[in-house]
Amino acid sequence: VQLQASGGGLAQAGGSLTLSCAASGSMKRPNDISWYRQAPGKRRKLIAKAGSEGVTNVEDPVKGRFTISRDNTKNTVDLKMNNLKLEDTAVYYCNYWRHDESYWGQGTLVTVSS
């Protein structure tokens, strides 16, 4: 499975960005495609998950500001980020997970400025 993350860039505080993760290859179901982020000097953390069967979850630190959506016909998972804050600055990674396999995409950098 290959994952291609895109959509990162520079945004102002209070602004919005949408990240997209395009998955390809031999994907078995059920699976989860998730977004993680890693801020400078910190460990990578899960922020949102979209399951192939329709279940989604957004973690508390970004709940209410970030939404995740998945299109199984296109094999894409989008992360819509609203009301961006300085602390959202990080490298964002998408991940494909099943109980027996896990793949990471290359990160996409999001920088939020004041």
C-alpha atoms as a PDB file:
ATOM      1  CA  VAL A   1       0.000   0.000   0.000  1.00  0.00           C
ATOM      2  CA  GLN A   2       1.296   3.432  -0.932  1.00  0.00           C
ATOM      3  CA  LEU A   3       0.081   6.648   0.613  1.00  0.00           C
ATOM      4  CA  GLN A   4       0.532  10.109  -0.836  1.00  0.00           C
ATOM      5  CA  ALA A   5      -0.173  13.051   1.437  1.00  0.00           C
ATOM      6  CA  SER A   6      -0.726  16.515   0.042  1.00  0.00           C
ATOM      7  CA  GLY A   7      -2.190  19.873   0.907  1.00  0.00           C
ATOM      8  CA  GLY A   8       0.206  21.154   3.518  1.00  0.00           C
ATOM      9  CA  GLY A   9       1.568  24.649   3.480  1.00  0.00           C
ATOM     10  CA  LEU A  10       1.527  27.938   5.267  1.00  0.00           C
ATOM     11  CA  ALA A  11      -1.656  29.256   6.845  1.00  0.00           C
ATOM     12  CA  GLN A  12      -2.512  32.079   9.172  1.00  0.00           C
ATOM     13  CA  ALA A  13      -3.950  31.475  12.593  1.00  0.00           C
ATOM     14  CA  GLY A  14      -7.697  31.214  12.235  1.00  0.00           C
ATOM     15  CA  GLY A  15      -7.399  30.022   8.679  1.00  0.00           C
ATOM     16  CA  SER A  16      -8.111  26.691   7.050  1.00  0.00           C
ATOM     17  CA  LEU A  17      -6.287  23.987   5.149  1.00  0.00           C
ATOM     18  CA  THR A  18      -7.368  20.658   3.749  1.00  0.00           C
ATOM     19  CA  LEU A  19      -4.962  17.747   3.642  1.00  0.00           C
ATOM     20  CA  SER A  20      -5.560  14.813   1.363  1.00  0.00           C
ATOM     21  CA  CYS A  21      -4.198  11.286   1.582  1.00  0.00           C
ATOM     22  CA  ALA A  22      -4.416   9.196  -1.573  1.00  0.00           C
ATOM     23  CA  ALA A  23      -4.002   5.476  -1.052  1.00  0.00           C
ATOM     24  CA  SER A  24      -3.116   2.950  -3.727  1.00  0.00           C
ATOM     25  CA  GLY A  25      -2.113  -0.666  -3.939  1.00  0.00           C
ATOM     26  CA  SER A  26      -3.594  -3.798  -2.469  1.00  0.00           C
ATOM     27  CA  MET A  27      -5.825  -2.639   0.327  1.00  0.00           C
ATOM     28  CA  LYS A  28      -7.741  -5.205   2.302  1.00  0.00           C
ATOM     29  CA  ARG A  29     -10.834  -4.421   4.268  1.00  0.00           C
ATOM     30  CA  PRO A  30     -11.534  -3.544   6.923  1.00  0.00           C
ATOM     31  CA  ASN A  31      -8.794  -1.002   7.366  1.00  0.00           C
ATOM     32  CA  ASP A  32      -8.237   2.367   8.939  1.00  0.00           C
ATOM     33  CA  ILE A  33      -6.618   5.368   7.304  1.00  0.00           C
ATOM     34  CA  SER A  34      -5.606   7.909   9.878  1.00  0.00           C
ATOM     35  CA  TRP A  35      -3.921  11.237  10.164  1.00  0.00           C
ATOM     36  CA  TYR A  36      -1.124  11.748  12.671  1.00  0.00           C
ATOM     37  CA  ARG A  37       1.004  14.764  13.325  1.00  0.00           C
ATOM     38  CA  GLN A  38       4.419  15.347  14.768  1.00  0.00           C
ATOM     39  CA  ALA A  39       5.356  18.734  16.115  1.00  0.00           C
ATOM     40  CA  PRO A  40       9.025  19.698  16.453  1.00  0.00           C
ATOM     41  CA  GLY A  41      10.620  17.873  19.333  1.00  0.00           C
ATOM     42  CA  LYS A  42       7.510  15.853  20.089  1.00  0.00           C
ATOM     43  CA  ARG A  43       6.350  12.366  19.300  1.00  0.00           C
ATOM     44  CA  ARG A  44       3.891  11.529  16.574  1.00  0.00           C
ATOM     45  CA  LYS A  45       0.269  11.556  17.700  1.00  0.00           C
ATOM     46  CA  LEU A  46      -2.996  10.345  16.238  1.00  0.00           C
ATOM     47  CA  ILE A  47      -5.458  13.123  15.463  1.00  0.00           C
ATOM     48  CA  ALA A  48      -8.167  11.535  13.321  1.00  0.00           C
ATOM     49  CA  LYS A  49      -9.172   8.170  11.917  1.00  0.00           C
ATOM     50  CA  ALA A  50     -11.476   7.004   9.129  1.00  0.00           C
ATOM     51  CA  GLY A  51     -12.378   3.354   8.829  1.00  0.00           C
ATOM     52  CA  SER A  52     -13.207   1.664   5.557  1.00  0.00           C
ATOM     53  CA  GLU A  53     -16.603   0.688   6.942  1.00  0.00           C
ATOM     54  CA  GLY A  54     -17.592   4.270   7.693  1.00  0.00           C
ATOM     55  CA  VAL A  55     -16.583   4.870  11.288  1.00  0.00           C
ATOM     56  CA  THR A  56     -14.663   8.074  11.890  1.00  0.00           C
ATOM     57  CA  ASN A  57     -13.128   9.602  14.961  1.00  0.00           C
ATOM     58  CA  VAL A  58     -11.393  12.874  15.732  1.00  0.00           C
ATOM     59  CA  GLU A  59      -9.210  13.183  18.798  1.00  0.00           C
ATOM     60  CA  ASP A  60     -10.009  15.679  21.512  1.00  0.00           C
ATOM     61  CA  PRO A  61      -7.224  18.230  20.888  1.00  0.00           C
ATOM     62  CA  VAL A  62      -8.674  19.068  17.465  1.00  0.00           C
ATOM     63  CA  LYS A  63     -12.292  18.037  17.848  1.00  0.00           C
ATOM     64  CA  GLY A  64     -14.628  20.750  16.674  1.00  0.00           C
ATOM     65  CA  ARG A  65     -11.999  22.260  14.396  1.00  0.00           C
ATOM     66  CA  PHE A  66     -10.866  19.314  12.280  1.00  0.00           C
ATOM     67  CA  THR A  67     -13.053  16.915  10.338  1.00  0.00           C
ATOM     68  CA  ILE A  68     -12.059  13.741   8.524  1.00  0.00           C
ATOM     69  CA  SER A  69     -13.798  12.262   5.524  1.00  0.00           C
ATOM     70  CA  ARG A  70     -13.161   9.233   3.390  1.00  0.00           C
ATOM     71  CA  ASP A  71     -14.083   8.347  -0.177  1.00  0.00           C
ATOM     72  CA  ASN A  72     -13.671   4.622  -0.747  1.00  0.00           C
ATOM     73  CA  THR A  73     -14.331   4.986  -4.475  1.00  0.00           C
ATOM     74  CA  LYS A  74     -11.303   7.254  -4.820  1.00  0.00           C
ATOM     75  CA  ASN A  75      -9.307   5.780  -1.924  1.00  0.00           C
ATOM     76  CA  THR A  76      -8.792   9.197  -0.425  1.00  0.00           C
ATOM     77  CA  VAL A  77      -9.031  10.499   3.104  1.00  0.00           C
ATOM     78  CA  ASP A  78      -9.262  14.242   3.615  1.00  0.00           C
ATOM     79  CA  LEU A  79      -8.558  16.181   6.767  1.00  0.00           C
ATOM     80  CA  LYS A  80     -10.302  19.537   6.819  1.00  0.00           C
ATOM     81  CA  MET A  81      -8.643  21.843   9.323  1.00  0.00           C
ATOM     82  CA  ASN A  82     -10.459  24.986  10.394  1.00  0.00           C
ATOM     83  CA  ASN A  83      -9.612  27.720  12.872  1.00  0.00           C
ATOM     84  CA  LEU A  84      -5.954  26.782  12.766  1.00  0.00           C
ATOM     85  CA  LYS A  85      -3.822  27.577  15.775  1.00  0.00           C
ATOM     86  CA  LEU A  86      -0.102  28.075  16.151  1.00  0.00           C
ATOM     87  CA  GLU A  87       0.118  24.754  17.953  1.00  0.00           C
ATOM     88  CA  ASP A  88      -1.216  22.958  14.873  1.00  0.00           C
ATOM     89  CA  THR A  89       2.171  23.507  13.260  1.00  0.00           C
ATOM     90  CA  ALA A  90       3.548  20.038  12.579  1.00  0.00           C
ATOM     91  CA  VAL A  91       4.364  17.488   9.958  1.00  0.00           C
ATOM     92  CA  TYR A  92       1.182  15.583   9.172  1.00  0.00           C
ATOM     93  CA  TYR A  93       1.327  11.930   8.182  1.00  0.00           C
ATOM     94  CA  CYS A  94      -1.307   9.538   6.950  1.00  0.00           C
ATOM     95  CA  ASN A  95      -1.269   5.907   7.944  1.00  0.00           C
ATOM     96  CA  TYR A  96      -2.972   2.784   6.645  1.00  0.00           C
ATOM     97  CA  TRP A  97      -3.583   0.160   9.316  1.00  0.00           C
ATOM     98  CA  ARG A  98      -4.885  -3.336   9.561  1.00  0.00           C
ATOM     99  CA  HIS A  99      -4.209  -5.800  12.333  1.00  0.00           C
ATOM    100  CA  ASP A 100      -1.430  -7.353  10.273  1.00  0.00           C
ATOM    101  CA  GLU A 101       0.064  -4.457   8.375  1.00  0.00           C
ATOM    102  CA  SER A 102       0.719  -0.753   8.588  1.00  0.00           C
ATOM    103  CA  TYR A 103       2.047   1.753   6.088  1.00  0.00           C
ATOM    104  CA  TRP A 104       3.014   5.391   6.346  1.00  0.00           C
ATOM    105  CA  GLY A 105       2.947   8.114   3.782  1.00  0.00           C
ATOM    106  CA  GLN A 106       5.563  10.803   3.551  1.00  0.00           C
ATOM    107  CA  GLY A 107       4.683  13.757   5.729  1.00  0.00           C
ATOM    108  CA  THR A 108       3.283  17.068   4.654  1.00  0.00           C
ATOM    109  CA  LEU A 109       4.290  20.158   6.590  1.00  0.00           C
ATOM    110  CA  VAL A 110       1.686  22.516   7.984  1.00  0.00           C
ATOM    111  CA  THR A 111       2.944  25.810   9.339  1.00  0.00           C
ATOM    112  CA  VAL A 112       0.567  28.166  11.095  1.00  0.00           C
ATOM    113  CA  SER A 113       1.683  31.754  11.534  1.00  0.00           C
ATOM    114  CA  SER A 114       0.267  34.572  13.622  1.00  0.00           C
END
